[in-house]
Amino acid sequence: MKKLLLLIASLTLTAPAANAESVWLIITGTFQIEELAIEKIQMKDMDQCEEQAAKWVSSKRVLPRFGKQAECLEGK
């Protein structure tokens, strides 16, 4: 799962920072051994994204069996 997030990050972060117009929260959860859920949500800024990422990772409402992760990325 970490490799997938790193791949997404590397593809997104190759664009110059001056062209960054949006911030995306990428969240993942593994509910079965072979069942990975990935979702992207556009955020208004990096601060909001980091706040929501922390909420997702620490939330007790969603209990993926094998873990959950979040990453904030800038995009065009």
Protein backbone atom coordinates (compact mmCIF):
# COMPACT_ATOMS: atom_id res chain seq x y z
CA MET A 1 0.00 0.00 0.00
CA LYS A 2 2.87 2.38 0.76
CA LYS A 3 4.35 1.66 -2.65
CA LEU A 4 1.08 2.69 -4.29
CA LEU A 5 0.98 5.98 -2.38
CA LEU A 6 4.61 6.66 -3.27
CA LEU A 7 3.85 6.01 -6.93
CA ILE A 8 0.88 8.40 -6.85
CA ALA A 9 2.97 11.00 -5.04
CA SER A 10 5.88 10.73 -7.47
CA LEU A 11 3.60 11.13 -10.49
CA THR A 12 1.82 14.11 -8.98
CA LEU A 13 4.82 15.88 -7.49
CA THR A 14 6.85 15.91 -10.72
CA ALA A 15 4.95 19.05 -11.82
CA PRO A 16 6.58 22.36 -10.85
CA ALA A 17 5.23 23.89 -7.63
CA ALA A 18 4.28 27.09 -9.47
CA ASN A 19 1.66 25.12 -11.42
CA ALA A 20 0.05 23.63 -8.31
CA GLU A 21 -3.56 24.78 -8.29
CA SER A 22 -5.24 22.15 -6.18
CA VAL A 23 -4.69 20.00 -3.12
CA TRP A 24 -5.92 16.42 -2.93
CA LEU A 25 -6.38 14.10 0.03
CA ILE A 26 -5.73 10.49 -0.98
CA ILE A 27 -7.11 8.00 1.53
CA THR A 28 -6.75 4.24 1.55
CA GLY A 29 -8.13 1.41 3.61
CA THR A 30 -7.58 -2.33 3.39
CA PHE A 31 -10.69 -4.20 4.44
CA GLN A 32 -9.76 -7.68 3.23
CA ILE A 33 -6.36 -9.09 2.34
CA GLU A 34 -6.88 -8.35 -1.36
CA GLU A 35 -9.46 -5.55 -1.11
CA LEU A 36 -7.86 -2.09 -1.16
CA ALA A 37 -10.09 0.99 -1.26
CA ILE A 38 -8.63 4.27 -2.55
CA GLU A 39 -10.42 7.61 -2.68
CA LYS A 40 -9.33 11.12 -3.63
CA ILE A 41 -10.98 14.25 -2.22
CA GLN A 42 -10.15 17.78 -3.29
CA MET A 43 -9.28 20.13 -0.42
CA LYS A 44 -9.19 23.95 -0.31
CA ASP A 45 -5.58 24.07 0.93
CA MET A 46 -2.77 21.99 2.41
CA ASP A 47 -3.72 22.88 6.00
CA GLN A 48 -7.24 21.52 5.56
CA CYS A 49 -5.85 18.43 3.84
CA GLU A 50 -3.41 17.65 6.62
CA GLU A 51 -6.14 18.15 9.24
CA GLN A 52 -8.52 15.79 7.42
CA ALA A 53 -5.75 13.23 6.84
CA ALA A 54 -5.07 13.11 10.58
CA LYS A 55 -8.79 12.66 11.26
CA TRP A 56 -9.01 9.76 8.78
CA VAL A 57 -5.99 7.93 10.19
CA SER A 58 -7.12 8.32 13.82
CA SER A 59 -10.86 7.77 13.25
CA LYS A 60 -12.49 4.96 15.18
CA ARG A 61 -15.64 5.09 12.99
CA VAL A 62 -13.96 3.37 10.05
CA LEU A 63 -12.14 0.22 11.05
CA PRO A 64 -10.33 -1.33 8.10
CA ARG A 65 -9.07 -4.70 9.14
CA PHE A 66 -5.55 -4.20 7.79
CA GLY A 67 -4.99 -0.46 8.20
CA LYS A 68 -5.63 2.89 6.61
CA GLN A 69 -3.41 5.68 5.31
CA ALA A 70 -3.70 9.22 4.02
CA GLU A 71 -1.51 11.46 1.88
CA CYS A 72 -1.87 15.10 0.79
CA LEU A 73 -0.76 15.94 -2.74
CA GLU A 74 -0.62 19.11 -4.83
CA GLY A 75 -1.79 18.94 -8.41
CA LYS A 76 -2.85 21.02 -11.38
